[in-house]
Protein backbone atom coordinates (compact mmCIF):
# COMPACT_ATOMS: atom_id res chain seq x y z
CA UNK A 1 -9.45 4.29 -14.02
CA UNK A 2 -12.36 2.65 -12.30
CA UNK A 3 -11.62 1.75 -8.67
CA UNK A 4 -13.31 -0.52 -6.11
CA UNK A 5 -12.13 0.01 -2.54
CA UNK A 6 -12.29 -2.48 0.28
CA UNK A 7 -12.20 -0.92 3.82
CA UNK A 8 -13.45 2.41 5.21
CA UNK A 9 -11.66 2.92 8.32
CA UNK A 10 -9.44 5.82 9.40
CA UNK A 11 -6.96 5.09 6.56
CA UNK A 12 -9.56 3.92 4.11
CA UNK A 13 -11.55 7.20 4.19
CA UNK A 14 -8.43 9.20 3.49
CA UNK A 15 -7.72 6.87 0.54
CA UNK A 16 -11.35 7.19 -0.76
CA UNK A 17 -10.80 11.01 -0.56
CA UNK A 18 -7.57 10.82 -2.74
CA UNK A 19 -9.31 8.78 -5.33
CA UNK A 20 -12.44 11.06 -5.38
CA UNK A 21 -10.33 14.07 -5.79
CA UNK A 22 -8.21 12.77 -8.71
CA UNK A 23 -10.14 13.59 -11.87
CA UNK A 24 -8.26 10.65 -13.81
CA UNK A 25 -9.98 8.21 -11.49
CA UNK A 26 -13.55 7.06 -10.39
CA UNK A 27 -14.21 5.50 -7.06
CA UNK A 28 -17.05 3.24 -8.20
CA UNK A 29 -17.76 1.33 -4.91
CA UNK A 30 -16.61 0.91 -1.45
CA UNK A 31 -17.12 -2.47 0.53
CA UNK A 32 -17.40 -2.40 4.25
CA UNK A 33 -18.31 -5.00 7.02
CA UNK A 34 -20.91 -2.72 8.45
CA UNK A 35 -24.31 -2.34 7.00
CA UNK A 36 -24.72 1.20 8.35
CA UNK A 37 -25.41 3.70 5.46
CA UNK A 38 -25.39 0.81 3.00
CA UNK A 39 -26.18 1.76 -0.53
CA UNK A 40 -25.45 5.33 0.17
CA UNK A 41 -22.34 7.10 -1.32
CA UNK A 42 -18.94 7.66 0.32
CA UNK A 43 -18.51 10.99 -1.49
CA UNK A 44 -21.54 12.23 0.42
CA UNK A 45 -20.06 11.15 3.72
CA UNK A 46 -16.72 12.65 2.80
CA UNK A 47 -18.24 16.03 1.77
CA UNK A 48 -18.24 15.76 -2.03
CA UNK A 49 -22.07 15.97 -2.73
CA UNK A 50 -21.71 17.13 -6.17
CA UNK A 51 -19.54 14.20 -7.30
CA UNK A 52 -21.36 11.15 -6.25
CA UNK A 53 -18.89 8.28 -5.96
CA UNK A 54 -18.25 5.21 -4.02
CA UNK A 55 -21.39 3.37 -3.58
CA UNK A 56 -21.42 1.54 -0.36
CA UNK A 57 -21.87 -2.22 -0.26
CA UNK A 58 -21.50 -4.53 2.65
CA UNK A 59 -18.96 -7.44 2.61
CA UNK A 60 -21.76 -9.91 2.52
CA UNK A 61 -23.00 -8.69 -0.98
CA UNK A 62 -19.63 -9.64 -2.63
CA UNK A 63 -20.43 -13.21 -2.06
CA UNK A 64 -23.16 -12.93 -4.72
CA UNK A 65 -22.21 -14.74 -7.78
CA UNK A 66 -22.26 -11.86 -10.14
CA UNK A 67 -21.07 -9.13 -7.96
CA UNK A 68 -17.95 -8.30 -9.92
CA UNK A 69 -19.60 -8.86 -13.16
CA UNK A 70 -22.41 -6.44 -12.31
CA UNK A 71 -20.17 -3.91 -10.64
CA UNK A 72 -16.95 -3.95 -12.93
CA UNK A 73 -13.88 -1.98 -11.99
CA UNK A 74 -10.28 -1.93 -13.33
CA UNK A 75 -8.52 -2.29 -10.03
CA UNK A 76 -9.48 -3.17 -6.38
CA UNK A 77 -7.51 -1.31 -3.62
CA UNK A 78 -7.75 -3.10 -0.28
CA UNK A 79 -7.28 -1.29 3.01
CA UNK A 80 -9.65 -3.60 4.97
CA UNK A 81 -8.14 -6.42 7.10
CA UNK A 82 -6.06 -9.57 6.64
CA UNK A 83 -8.96 -11.62 5.83
CA UNK A 84 -10.73 -9.24 3.51
CA UNK A 85 -9.02 -10.83 0.50
CA UNK A 86 -11.42 -13.70 0.81
CA UNK A 87 -14.30 -11.29 -0.18
CA UNK A 88 -12.66 -10.65 -3.56
CA UNK A 89 -11.16 -13.85 -4.61
CA UNK A 90 -13.59 -14.13 -7.53
CA UNK A 91 -12.46 -10.65 -8.90
CA UNK A 92 -9.30 -12.31 -10.05
CA UNK A 93 -11.30 -14.55 -12.26
CA UNK A 94 -12.45 -11.42 -14.10
CA UNK A 95 -8.87 -9.97 -14.48
CA UNK A 96 -9.50 -7.18 -11.98
CA UNK A 97 -6.08 -6.03 -10.75
CA UNK A 98 -5.50 -6.02 -6.93
CA UNK A 99 -3.59 -3.79 -4.71
CA UNK A 100 -3.30 -4.92 -1.21
CA UNK A 101 -2.14 -2.40 1.48
CA UNK A 102 -2.75 -4.59 4.39
CA UNK A 103 -0.08 -4.20 7.02
CA UNK A 104 0.43 -7.70 8.01
CA UNK A 105 -0.81 -11.20 6.42
CA UNK A 106 -0.36 -14.57 8.05
CA UNK A 107 1.31 -17.18 5.80
CA UNK A 108 -2.10 -18.67 4.87
CA UNK A 109 -3.40 -15.22 3.55
CA UNK A 110 -0.15 -14.43 1.71
CA UNK A 111 -0.26 -17.66 -0.09
CA UNK A 112 -3.93 -17.09 -1.01
CA UNK A 113 -2.98 -13.73 -2.46
CA UNK A 114 -0.11 -15.18 -4.44
CA UNK A 115 -2.40 -17.86 -5.85
CA UNK A 116 -4.72 -15.06 -7.13
CA UNK A 117 -1.77 -13.55 -8.95
CA UNK A 118 -1.87 -16.48 -11.48
CA UNK A 119 -5.09 -14.99 -12.66
CA UNK A 120 -4.30 -11.22 -12.55
CA UNK A 121 -1.68 -8.71 -11.65
CA UNK A 122 -1.55 -8.43 -7.85
CA UNK A 123 0.68 -5.95 -5.84
CA UNK A 124 1.07 -6.46 -2.00
CA UNK A 125 2.79 -3.87 0.19
CA UNK A 126 2.68 -3.49 3.98
CA UNK A 127 3.20 0.29 3.60
CA UNK A 128 2.19 1.55 0.23
CA UNK A 129 3.32 5.05 0.59
CA UNK A 130 5.97 6.17 -2.08
CA UNK A 131 8.33 7.56 0.30
CA UNK A 132 8.92 4.59 2.53
CA UNK A 133 9.42 2.34 -0.54
CA UNK A 134 11.88 4.77 -1.88
CA UNK A 135 13.60 4.72 1.56
CA UNK A 136 13.66 0.84 1.36
CA UNK A 137 15.25 0.75 -2.05
CA UNK A 138 17.68 3.69 -1.27
CA UNK A 139 18.82 1.95 1.93
CA UNK A 140 19.71 -1.26 0.04
CA UNK A 141 21.59 0.77 -2.42
CA UNK A 142 23.51 2.58 0.30
CA UNK A 143 24.24 -0.60 2.09
CA UNK A 144 26.04 -1.92 -0.89
CA UNK A 145 28.02 1.28 -1.05
CA UNK A 146 28.96 1.27 2.59
CA UNK A 147 28.58 -2.47 3.56
CA UNK A 148 30.69 -2.04 6.89
CA UNK A 149 28.59 0.87 8.35
CA UNK A 150 26.58 0.52 11.54
CA UNK A 151 22.87 0.54 10.54
CA UNK A 152 19.89 1.24 12.98
CA UNK A 153 16.23 1.58 12.18
CA UNK A 154 13.97 4.01 13.95
CA UNK A 155 10.20 3.93 13.73
CA UNK A 156 7.62 6.19 15.41
CA UNK A 157 3.97 5.88 15.59
CA UNK A 158 0.77 6.89 17.43
CA UNK A 159 0.51 6.03 21.09
CA UNK A 160 -2.10 3.37 20.50
CA UNK A 161 -0.08 1.22 17.94
CA UNK A 162 1.09 -1.81 19.90
CA UNK A 163 3.25 -3.80 17.71
CA UNK A 164 6.52 -3.23 15.93
CA UNK A 165 5.97 -1.46 12.58
CA UNK A 166 5.62 -3.97 9.74
CA UNK A 167 7.50 -1.53 7.36
CA UNK A 168 10.46 -1.41 10.01
CA UNK A 169 10.41 -5.26 10.07
CA UNK A 170 10.48 -5.17 6.18
CA UNK A 171 13.39 -2.83 6.10
CA UNK A 172 15.37 -4.91 8.63
CA UNK A 173 14.62 -8.11 6.66
CA UNK A 174 15.82 -6.57 3.32
CA UNK A 175 19.06 -5.19 4.92
CA UNK A 176 19.77 -8.55 6.67
CA UNK A 177 19.30 -7.10 10.20
CA UNK A 178 18.13 -8.68 13.33
CA UNK A 179 14.94 -6.74 13.97
CA UNK A 180 15.26 -7.25 17.90
CA UNK A 181 18.63 -5.62 17.89
CA UNK A 182 18.28 -2.95 15.30
CA UNK A 183 14.73 -1.63 15.40
CA UNK A 184 14.00 1.09 17.92
CA UNK A 185 10.31 1.97 18.42
CA UNK A 186 8.77 5.18 19.75
CA UNK A 187 5.05 5.52 20.59
CA UNK A 188 4.00 8.98 21.37
CA UNK A 189 0.96 11.19 20.62
CA UNK A 190 -0.72 11.00 17.28
CA UNK A 191 2.25 10.44 14.92
CA UNK A 192 0.91 8.82 11.68
CA UNK A 193 4.23 7.06 10.97
CA UNK A 194 7.87 7.91 10.68
CA UNK A 195 10.73 5.77 9.56
CA UNK A 196 14.48 6.45 9.41
CA UNK A 197 17.43 4.35 8.61
CA UNK A 198 20.66 5.56 10.13
CA UNK A 199 24.09 4.63 8.64
CA UNK A 200 27.11 5.33 11.08
CA UNK A 201 30.50 5.67 9.43
CA UNK A 202 33.70 6.78 11.07
CA UNK A 203 33.59 10.27 9.74
CA UNK A 204 29.93 10.84 8.91
CA UNK A 205 26.37 9.88 9.61
CA UNK A 206 23.93 9.30 6.74
CA UNK A 207 20.06 9.39 7.67
CA UNK A 208 17.35 8.40 5.09
CA UNK A 209 14.00 9.46 6.56
CA UNK A 210 10.33 9.31 5.56
CA UNK A 211 7.52 10.99 7.63
CA UNK A 212 3.92 10.58 6.85
CA UNK A 213 2.13 13.88 7.49
CA UNK A 214 -1.28 12.64 6.39
CA UNK A 215 -2.95 9.23 5.64
CA UNK A 216 -3.71 10.71 2.28
CA UNK A 217 0.01 9.48 1.56
CA UNK A 218 -1.40 5.93 1.46
CA UNK A 219 -3.94 6.99 -1.20
CA UNK A 220 -1.35 8.56 -3.60
CA UNK A 221 0.90 5.46 -3.25
CA UNK A 222 -2.08 3.13 -3.79
CA UNK A 223 -3.12 5.03 -6.95
CA UNK A 224 0.46 4.90 -8.28
CA UNK A 225 0.53 1.09 -7.65
CA UNK A 226 -2.91 0.69 -9.39
CA UNK A 227 -2.08 2.65 -12.46
CA UNK A 228 1.27 0.66 -12.74
CA UNK A 229 -0.46 -2.63 -12.57
CA UNK A 230 -2.97 -1.91 -15.51
CA UNK A 231 -0.27 -2.79 -18.17
CA UNK A 232 1.39 -5.55 -16.12
CA UNK A 233 0.98 -9.28 -17.00
CA UNK A 234 -0.47 -11.51 -14.44
CA UNK A 235 1.89 -11.96 -11.52
CA UNK A 236 2.84 -10.98 -7.94
CA UNK A 237 4.45 -7.48 -7.49
CA UNK A 238 5.66 -5.32 -4.67
CA UNK A 239 6.18 -1.56 -4.51
CA UNK A 240 10.00 -2.18 -4.36
CA UNK A 241 9.61 -3.82 -7.76
CA UNK A 242 8.04 -0.73 -9.26
CA UNK A 243 10.50 1.55 -7.58
CA UNK A 244 13.42 -0.36 -8.79
CA UNK A 245 11.90 -0.43 -12.30
CA UNK A 246 11.40 3.29 -12.25
CA UNK A 247 14.99 3.95 -11.12
CA UNK A 248 16.38 1.60 -13.78
CA UNK A 249 14.35 3.25 -16.53
CA UNK A 250 15.50 6.66 -15.38
CA UNK A 251 19.16 5.77 -15.61
CA UNK A 252 18.74 4.06 -19.05
CA UNK A 253 17.10 7.23 -20.37
CA UNK A 254 19.88 9.49 -18.80
CA UNK A 255 22.61 7.23 -20.48
CA UNK A 256 20.81 7.54 -23.85
CA UNK A 257 20.52 11.46 -23.47
CA UNK A 258 24.17 11.62 -22.38
């Protein structure tokens, strides 16, 4: 699978490393806003000098008319910024799949992304790790089983993160909870990201927890999403969609085998 990456910040670098280390994928290029080190290779920067991948382009270069024709990939993975999608709008015209892992979009950008999904397969996830999306689906299932339980959401992140976690807000939304009343935030040290949903019942407490140990978790989640999109028709997808689909398929197979 040939991959183009937008964004090379703290998380983007870890994602690039995960792509380079996976023998089934090739990081063809990386687009950054900076011109520093332009037309060099991400693999050299990351310490993989014998496997040159991730040719650096500046975001201005994607505005060239034939950029996506001359630099073809199967999928674009975006870890840049909420306005980065305007730099690859034309990629949809060429059927390039898009995985957006931006933590928050304004309504304007989200509508733009959905418009692109009419031309290609697009997946958007505010937190693209496999674990947090499994937590989201599992919490919804558990809420159906114990609808009268008390539910609280805990999210922990690094000290410098100012806003409430977008993933925690998504969990609250999907569980029908008031985020102001039911999200508890902790900011300490260098925690990458931890989310926990606590179900309180009369005789027991059930906790569903996901803890990101390394930002590489975002890379493995993005690759899972990218591989899943390759066989999908044009449309707008979420990680929850993929999780539910896998869950249903697993149940169906088990029923057949039984």
